[in-house]
All heavy atoms as atom14 arrays in JSON, in Angstrom:
{
  "sequence": "SKVAKVCSELSRTENLSLNDSILKFYNSAAYETLSR",
  "atom14_mask": [
    [1, 1, 1, 1, 1, 1, 0, 0, 0, 0, 0, 0, 0, 0],
    [1, 1, 1, 1, 1, 1, 1, 1, 1, 0, 0, 0, 0, 0],
    [1, 1, 1, 1, 1, 1, 1, 0, 0, 0, 0, 0, 0, 0],
    [1, 1, 1, 1, 1, 0, 0, 0, 0, 0, 0, 0, 0, 0],
    [1, 1, 1, 1, 1, 1, 1, 1, 1, 0, 0, 0, 0, 0],
    [1, 1, 1, 1, 1, 1, 1, 0, 0, 0, 0, 0, 0, 0],
    [1, 1, 1, 1, 1, 1, 0, 0, 0, 0, 0, 0, 0, 0],
    [1, 1, 1, 1, 1, 1, 0, 0, 0, 0, 0, 0, 0, 0],
    [1, 1, 1, 1, 1, 1, 1, 1, 1, 0, 0, 0, 0, 0],
    [1, 1, 1, 1, 1, 1, 1, 1, 0, 0, 0, 0, 0, 0],
    [1, 1, 1, 1, 1, 1, 0, 0, 0, 0, 0, 0, 0, 0],
    [1, 1, 1, 1, 1, 1, 1, 1, 1, 1, 1, 0, 0, 0],
    [1, 1, 1, 1, 1, 1, 1, 0, 0, 0, 0, 0, 0, 0],
    [1, 1, 1, 1, 1, 1, 1, 1, 1, 0, 0, 0, 0, 0],
    [1, 1, 1, 1, 1, 1, 1, 1, 0, 0, 0, 0, 0, 0],
    [1, 1, 1, 1, 1, 1, 1, 1, 0, 0, 0, 0, 0, 0],
    [1, 1, 1, 1, 1, 1, 0, 0, 0, 0, 0, 0, 0, 0],
    [1, 1, 1, 1, 1, 1, 1, 1, 0, 0, 0, 0, 0, 0],
    [1, 1, 1, 1, 1, 1, 1, 1, 0, 0, 0, 0, 0, 0],
    [1, 1, 1, 1, 1, 1, 1, 1, 0, 0, 0, 0, 0, 0],
    [1, 1, 1, 1, 1, 1, 0, 0, 0, 0, 0, 0, 0, 0],
    [1, 1, 1, 1, 1, 1, 1, 1, 0, 0, 0, 0, 0, 0],
    [1, 1, 1, 1, 1, 1, 1, 1, 0, 0, 0, 0, 0, 0],
    [1, 1, 1, 1, 1, 1, 1, 1, 1, 0, 0, 0, 0, 0],
    [1, 1, 1, 1, 1, 1, 1, 1, 1, 1, 1, 0, 0, 0],
    [1, 1, 1, 1, 1, 1, 1, 1, 1, 1, 1, 1, 0, 0],
    [1, 1, 1, 1, 1, 1, 1, 1, 0, 0, 0, 0, 0, 0],
    [1, 1, 1, 1, 1, 1, 0, 0, 0, 0, 0, 0, 0, 0],
    [1, 1, 1, 1, 1, 0, 0, 0, 0, 0, 0, 0, 0, 0],
    [1, 1, 1, 1, 1, 0, 0, 0, 0, 0, 0, 0, 0, 0],
    [1, 1, 1, 1, 1, 1, 1, 1, 1, 1, 1, 1, 0, 0],
    [1, 1, 1, 1, 1, 1, 1, 1, 1, 0, 0, 0, 0, 0],
    [1, 1, 1, 1, 1, 1, 1, 0, 0, 0, 0, 0, 0, 0],
    [1, 1, 1, 1, 1, 1, 1, 1, 0, 0, 0, 0, 0, 0],
    [1, 1, 1, 1, 1, 1, 0, 0, 0, 0, 0, 0, 0, 0],
    [1, 1, 1, 1, 1, 1, 1, 1, 1, 1, 1, 0, 0, 0]
  ],
  "atom14_positions": [
    [[108.83, 101.0, 100.52], [107.8, 101.36, 99.53], [108.24, 102.55, 98.68], [107.95, 102.61, 97.49], [106.46, 101.65, 100.21], [106.57, 102.78, 101.05], [0.0, 0.0, 0.0], [0.0, 0.0, 0.0], [0.0, 0.0, 0.0], [0.0, 0.0, 0.0], [0.0, 0.0, 0.0], [0.0, 0.0, 0.0], [0.0, 0.0, 0.0], [0.0, 0.0, 0.0]],
    [[108.97, 103.46, 99.27], [109.47, 104.61, 98.51], [110.54, 104.16, 97.52], [110.56, 104.6, 96.37], [110.04, 105.67, 99.46], [108.98, 106.29, 100.35], [109.59, 107.19, 101.4], [108.58, 107.58, 102.43], [107.96, 108.83, 102.21], [0.0, 0.0, 0.0], [0.0, 0.0, 0.0], [0.0, 0.0, 0.0], [0.0, 0.0, 0.0], [0.0, 0.0, 0.0]],
    [[111.43, 103.28, 97.97], [112.49, 102.77, 97.1], [111.88, 102.03, 95.91], [112.33, 102.19, 94.78], [113.46, 101.86, 97.88], [114.42, 101.15, 96.95], [114.24, 102.68, 98.91], [0.0, 0.0, 0.0], [0.0, 0.0, 0.0], [0.0, 0.0, 0.0], [0.0, 0.0, 0.0], [0.0, 0.0, 0.0], [0.0, 0.0, 0.0], [0.0, 0.0, 0.0]],
    [[110.85, 101.25, 96.15], [110.21, 100.49, 95.07], [109.66, 101.43, 94.0], [109.85, 101.19, 92.79], [109.1, 99.62, 95.63], [0.0, 0.0, 0.0], [0.0, 0.0, 0.0], [0.0, 0.0, 0.0], [0.0, 0.0, 0.0], [0.0, 0.0, 0.0], [0.0, 0.0, 0.0], [0.0, 0.0, 0.0], [0.0, 0.0, 0.0], [0.0, 0.0, 0.0]],
    [[109.02, 102.5, 94.41], [108.44, 103.44, 93.44], [109.53, 104.22, 92.71], [109.44, 104.42, 91.49], [107.48, 104.39, 94.16], [106.23, 103.69, 94.63], [105.34, 104.61, 95.42], [104.13, 103.85, 95.94], [103.33, 104.65, 96.85], [0.0, 0.0, 0.0], [0.0, 0.0, 0.0], [0.0, 0.0, 0.0], [0.0, 0.0, 0.0], [0.0, 0.0, 0.0]],
    [[110.57, 104.64, 93.43], [111.67, 105.36, 92.79], [112.35, 104.47, 91.76], [112.62, 104.89, 90.63], [112.69, 105.85, 93.85], [113.98, 106.34, 93.19], [112.1, 106.95, 94.71], [0.0, 0.0, 0.0], [0.0, 0.0, 0.0], [0.0, 0.0, 0.0], [0.0, 0.0, 0.0], [0.0, 0.0, 0.0], [0.0, 0.0, 0.0], [0.0, 0.0, 0.0]],
    [[112.61, 103.22, 92.13], [113.31, 102.31, 91.22], [112.46, 101.94, 90.02], [112.99, 101.8, 88.91], [113.75, 101.06, 91.98], [115.06, 101.43, 93.16], [0.0, 0.0, 0.0], [0.0, 0.0, 0.0], [0.0, 0.0, 0.0], [0.0, 0.0, 0.0], [0.0, 0.0, 0.0], [0.0, 0.0, 0.0], [0.0, 0.0, 0.0], [0.0, 0.0, 0.0]],
    [[111.18, 101.83, 90.2], [110.28, 101.57, 89.08], [110.33, 102.72, 88.07], [110.43, 102.5, 86.85], [108.86, 101.36, 89.59], [107.97, 101.16, 88.53], [0.0, 0.0, 0.0], [0.0, 0.0, 0.0], [0.0, 0.0, 0.0], [0.0, 0.0, 0.0], [0.0, 0.0, 0.0], [0.0, 0.0, 0.0], [0.0, 0.0, 0.0], [0.0, 0.0, 0.0]],
    [[110.29, 103.93, 88.57], [110.35, 105.11, 87.7], [111.73, 105.23, 87.05], [111.84, 105.55, 85.87], [110.02, 106.38, 88.49], [109.97, 107.63, 87.67], [108.83, 107.67, 86.66], [107.94, 106.8, 86.68], [108.84, 108.6, 85.83], [0.0, 0.0, 0.0], [0.0, 0.0, 0.0], [0.0, 0.0, 0.0], [0.0, 0.0, 0.0], [0.0, 0.0, 0.0]],
    [[112.76, 104.97, 87.8], [114.12, 105.01, 87.27], [114.29, 103.98, 86.15], [114.87, 104.27, 85.11], [115.11, 104.74, 88.4], [116.58, 104.92, 88.12], [116.88, 106.35, 87.73], [117.39, 104.53, 89.35], [0.0, 0.0, 0.0], [0.0, 0.0, 0.0], [0.0, 0.0, 0.0], [0.0, 0.0, 0.0], [0.0, 0.0, 0.0], [0.0, 0.0, 0.0]],
    [[113.75, 102.81, 86.35], [113.81, 101.76, 85.34], [113.1, 102.19, 84.06], [113.6, 102.0, 82.96], [113.16, 100.49, 85.91], [113.16, 99.47, 84.96], [0.0, 0.0, 0.0], [0.0, 0.0, 0.0], [0.0, 0.0, 0.0], [0.0, 0.0, 0.0], [0.0, 0.0, 0.0], [0.0, 0.0, 0.0], [0.0, 0.0, 0.0], [0.0, 0.0, 0.0]],
    [[111.94, 102.82, 84.22], [111.15, 103.27, 83.08], [111.83, 104.42, 82.33], [111.96, 104.38, 81.11], [109.76, 103.71, 83.54], [108.82, 104.08, 82.42], [107.5, 104.62, 82.95], [107.61, 105.95, 83.53], [107.72, 107.07, 82.83], [107.73, 107.03, 81.52], [107.81, 108.24, 83.43], [0.0, 0.0, 0.0], [0.0, 0.0, 0.0], [0.0, 0.0, 0.0]],
    [[112.31, 105.42, 83.05], [112.84, 106.62, 82.4], [114.25, 106.44, 81.85], [114.61, 107.12, 80.89], [112.83, 107.82, 83.35], [113.61, 107.51, 84.51], [111.42, 108.2, 83.75], [0.0, 0.0, 0.0], [0.0, 0.0, 0.0], [0.0, 0.0, 0.0], [0.0, 0.0, 0.0], [0.0, 0.0, 0.0], [0.0, 0.0, 0.0], [0.0, 0.0, 0.0]],
    [[115.04, 105.56, 82.45], [116.41, 105.38, 82.0], [116.62, 104.07, 81.26], [117.75, 103.69, 80.95], [117.38, 105.5, 83.18], [117.38, 106.89, 83.78], [118.54, 107.12, 84.73], [119.48, 106.31, 84.75], [118.48, 108.13, 85.44], [0.0, 0.0, 0.0], [0.0, 0.0, 0.0], [0.0, 0.0, 0.0], [0.0, 0.0, 0.0], [0.0, 0.0, 0.0]],
    [[115.5, 103.38, 80.99], [115.55, 102.12, 80.26], [116.53, 101.13, 80.9], [117.35, 100.51, 80.21], [115.89, 102.35, 78.79], [115.52, 101.18, 77.93], [114.61, 100.41, 78.25], [116.24, 101.0, 76.83], [0.0, 0.0, 0.0], [0.0, 0.0, 0.0], [0.0, 0.0, 0.0], [0.0, 0.0, 0.0], [0.0, 0.0, 0.0], [0.0, 0.0, 0.0]],
    [[116.45, 101.0, 82.23], [117.27, 100.07, 82.99], [116.43, 98.88, 83.42], [115.21, 99.01, 83.56], [117.82, 100.74, 84.26], [118.74, 101.93, 84.1], [119.0, 102.58, 85.46], [120.05, 101.49, 83.48], [0.0, 0.0, 0.0], [0.0, 0.0, 0.0], [0.0, 0.0, 0.0], [0.0, 0.0, 0.0], [0.0, 0.0, 0.0], [0.0, 0.0, 0.0]],
    [[117.08, 97.78, 83.68], [116.34, 96.67, 84.28], [116.01, 97.09, 85.72], [116.64, 97.99, 86.29], [117.2, 95.4, 84.3], [118.25, 95.53, 85.25], [0.0, 0.0, 0.0], [0.0, 0.0, 0.0], [0.0, 0.0, 0.0], [0.0, 0.0, 0.0], [0.0, 0.0, 0.0], [0.0, 0.0, 0.0], [0.0, 0.0, 0.0], [0.0, 0.0, 0.0]],
    [[115.02, 96.45, 86.29], [114.65, 96.79, 87.66], [115.82, 96.51, 88.6], [116.09, 97.31, 89.5], [113.4, 96.01, 88.09], [112.75, 96.46, 89.39], [112.46, 97.94, 89.39], [111.48, 95.67, 89.63], [0.0, 0.0, 0.0], [0.0, 0.0, 0.0], [0.0, 0.0, 0.0], [0.0, 0.0, 0.0], [0.0, 0.0, 0.0], [0.0, 0.0, 0.0]],
    [[116.53, 95.42, 88.39], [117.71, 95.12, 89.23], [118.75, 96.22, 89.13], [119.33, 96.63, 90.15], [118.32, 93.78, 88.84], [117.51, 92.62, 89.32], [116.68, 92.74, 90.21], [117.75, 91.46, 88.72], [0.0, 0.0, 0.0], [0.0, 0.0, 0.0], [0.0, 0.0, 0.0], [0.0, 0.0, 0.0], [0.0, 0.0, 0.0], [0.0, 0.0, 0.0]],
    [[119.02, 96.71, 87.92], [120.01, 97.77, 87.75], [119.55, 99.07, 88.41], [120.37, 99.8, 88.98], [120.31, 98.02, 86.27], [121.15, 96.91, 85.66], [121.76, 96.13, 86.42], [121.17, 96.82, 84.42], [0.0, 0.0, 0.0], [0.0, 0.0, 0.0], [0.0, 0.0, 0.0], [0.0, 0.0, 0.0], [0.0, 0.0, 0.0], [0.0, 0.0, 0.0]],
    [[118.27, 99.37, 88.33], [117.78, 100.59, 88.95], [117.85, 100.49, 90.48], [118.16, 101.48, 91.15], [116.36, 100.93, 88.48], [115.44, 99.96, 88.91], [0.0, 0.0, 0.0], [0.0, 0.0, 0.0], [0.0, 0.0, 0.0], [0.0, 0.0, 0.0], [0.0, 0.0, 0.0], [0.0, 0.0, 0.0], [0.0, 0.0, 0.0], [0.0, 0.0, 0.0]],
    [[117.6, 99.3, 91.01], [117.72, 99.1, 92.47], [119.17, 99.29, 92.9], [119.44, 99.98, 93.89], [117.18, 97.71, 92.86], [115.66, 97.66, 92.69], [117.58, 97.35, 94.29], [115.06, 96.28, 92.79], [0.0, 0.0, 0.0], [0.0, 0.0, 0.0], [0.0, 0.0, 0.0], [0.0, 0.0, 0.0], [0.0, 0.0, 0.0], [0.0, 0.0, 0.0]],
    [[120.09, 98.69, 92.17], [121.51, 98.86, 92.49], [121.94, 100.32, 92.41], [122.67, 100.81, 93.27], [122.38, 98.01, 91.55], [122.36, 96.52, 91.8], [123.1, 95.78, 90.69], [122.97, 96.19, 93.15], [0.0, 0.0, 0.0], [0.0, 0.0, 0.0], [0.0, 0.0, 0.0], [0.0, 0.0, 0.0], [0.0, 0.0, 0.0], [0.0, 0.0, 0.0]],
    [[121.47, 101.0, 91.38], [121.82, 102.42, 91.22], [121.33, 103.23, 92.41], [122.05, 104.07, 92.95], [121.23, 102.97, 89.92], [121.6, 104.41, 89.66], [121.13, 104.89, 88.31], [121.58, 106.32, 88.08], [121.36, 106.76, 86.72], [0.0, 0.0, 0.0], [0.0, 0.0, 0.0], [0.0, 0.0, 0.0], [0.0, 0.0, 0.0], [0.0, 0.0, 0.0]],
    [[120.09, 102.98, 92.83], [119.53, 103.75, 93.94], [120.23, 103.42, 95.26], [120.6, 104.32, 96.01], [118.02, 103.53, 94.07], [117.41, 104.43, 95.1], [117.29, 105.78, 94.87], [116.98, 103.93, 96.32], [116.74, 106.63, 95.83], [116.43, 104.76, 97.27], [116.31, 106.11, 97.04], [0.0, 0.0, 0.0], [0.0, 0.0, 0.0], [0.0, 0.0, 0.0]],
    [[120.4, 102.13, 95.55], [121.03, 101.76, 96.82], [122.49, 102.18, 96.91], [123.04, 102.27, 98.01], [120.88, 100.27, 97.09], [119.54, 99.93, 97.73], [118.58, 99.22, 97.03], [119.25, 100.32, 99.03], [117.36, 98.91, 97.6], [118.03, 100.03, 99.61], [117.09, 99.32, 98.9], [115.89, 99.03, 99.48], [0.0, 0.0, 0.0], [0.0, 0.0, 0.0]],
    [[123.13, 102.46, 95.8], [124.52, 102.92, 95.8], [124.63, 104.44, 95.63], [125.72, 104.95, 95.37], [125.32, 102.21, 94.71], [125.55, 100.76, 95.05], [126.04, 100.45, 96.13], [125.19, 99.87, 94.16], [0.0, 0.0, 0.0], [0.0, 0.0, 0.0], [0.0, 0.0, 0.0], [0.0, 0.0, 0.0], [0.0, 0.0, 0.0], [0.0, 0.0, 0.0]],
    [[123.53, 105.14, 95.79], [123.53, 106.59, 95.56], [123.64, 107.38, 96.86], [123.34, 106.89, 97.95], [122.24, 107.0, 94.85], [121.13, 106.89, 95.74], [0.0, 0.0, 0.0], [0.0, 0.0, 0.0], [0.0, 0.0, 0.0], [0.0, 0.0, 0.0], [0.0, 0.0, 0.0], [0.0, 0.0, 0.0], [0.0, 0.0, 0.0], [0.0, 0.0, 0.0]],
    [[124.04, 108.62, 96.72], [124.06, 109.55, 97.85], [122.64, 109.81, 98.35], [122.44, 110.05, 99.55], [124.73, 110.86, 97.44], [0.0, 0.0, 0.0], [0.0, 0.0, 0.0], [0.0, 0.0, 0.0], [0.0, 0.0, 0.0], [0.0, 0.0, 0.0], [0.0, 0.0, 0.0], [0.0, 0.0, 0.0], [0.0, 0.0, 0.0], [0.0, 0.0, 0.0]],
    [[121.67, 109.74, 97.45], [120.27, 109.95, 97.84], [119.84, 108.88, 98.84], [119.21, 109.19, 99.86], [119.36, 109.92, 96.61], [0.0, 0.0, 0.0], [0.0, 0.0, 0.0], [0.0, 0.0, 0.0], [0.0, 0.0, 0.0], [0.0, 0.0, 0.0], [0.0, 0.0, 0.0], [0.0, 0.0, 0.0], [0.0, 0.0, 0.0], [0.0, 0.0, 0.0]],
    [[120.2, 107.62, 98.58], [119.84, 106.54, 99.52], [120.61, 106.69, 100.82], [120.04, 106.5, 101.9], [120.08, 105.16, 98.93], [119.78, 104.09, 99.95], [118.46, 103.8, 100.28], [120.79, 103.45, 100.64], [118.17, 102.87, 101.25], [120.51, 102.52, 101.61], [119.18, 102.22, 101.92], [118.9, 101.31, 102.9], [0.0, 0.0, 0.0], [0.0, 0.0, 0.0]],
    [[121.86, 107.04, 100.73], [122.66, 107.22, 101.95], [122.02, 108.28, 102.85], [121.91, 108.11, 104.06], [124.08, 107.63, 101.58], [125.0, 107.77, 102.77], [126.4, 108.19, 102.37], [126.84, 107.82, 101.27], [127.04, 108.89, 103.18], [0.0, 0.0, 0.0], [0.0, 0.0, 0.0], [0.0, 0.0, 0.0], [0.0, 0.0, 0.0], [0.0, 0.0, 0.0]],
    [[121.57, 109.36, 102.24], [120.91, 110.43, 102.99], [119.56, 109.96, 103.52], [119.21, 110.22, 104.67], [120.73, 111.68, 102.1], [122.01, 112.05, 101.58], [120.14, 112.84, 102.88], [0.0, 0.0, 0.0], [0.0, 0.0, 0.0], [0.0, 0.0, 0.0], [0.0, 0.0, 0.0], [0.0, 0.0, 0.0], [0.0, 0.0, 0.0], [0.0, 0.0, 0.0]],
    [[118.8, 109.27, 102.69], [117.48, 108.76, 103.08], [117.58, 107.83, 104.29], [116.71, 107.86, 105.16], [116.85, 108.0, 101.9], [115.54, 107.26, 102.14], [114.43, 108.23, 102.53], [115.16, 106.47, 100.91], [0.0, 0.0, 0.0], [0.0, 0.0, 0.0], [0.0, 0.0, 0.0], [0.0, 0.0, 0.0], [0.0, 0.0, 0.0], [0.0, 0.0, 0.0]],
    [[118.61, 107.04, 104.37], [118.73, 106.05, 105.44], [119.16, 106.66, 106.78], [119.13, 105.98, 107.8], [119.7, 104.94, 105.04], [120.99, 105.44, 104.85], [0.0, 0.0, 0.0], [0.0, 0.0, 0.0], [0.0, 0.0, 0.0], [0.0, 0.0, 0.0], [0.0, 0.0, 0.0], [0.0, 0.0, 0.0], [0.0, 0.0, 0.0], [0.0, 0.0, 0.0]],
    [[119.52, 107.94, 106.78], [119.84, 108.63, 108.03], [118.58, 109.31, 108.56], [118.05, 110.23, 107.93], [120.93, 109.67, 107.82], [122.31, 109.1, 107.69], [123.39, 110.18, 107.83], [123.09, 111.43, 107.17], [123.44, 111.73, 105.92], [124.1, 110.89, 105.19], [123.12, 112.9, 105.42], [0.0, 0.0, 0.0], [0.0, 0.0, 0.0], [0.0, 0.0, 0.0]]
  ]
}
C-alpha cells in the first residue's frame, strides 16, 4: 500500500507512466532499504 501511494505521486510529479514509476521505485535504494 505504501509503494502504491509513492508510485502514484511519483507518476504525477515526474510525469511518468505508472509502470515507469513502479520500476523506478522497485529499483531504488529506498525500496532496498524499505524491504529490510
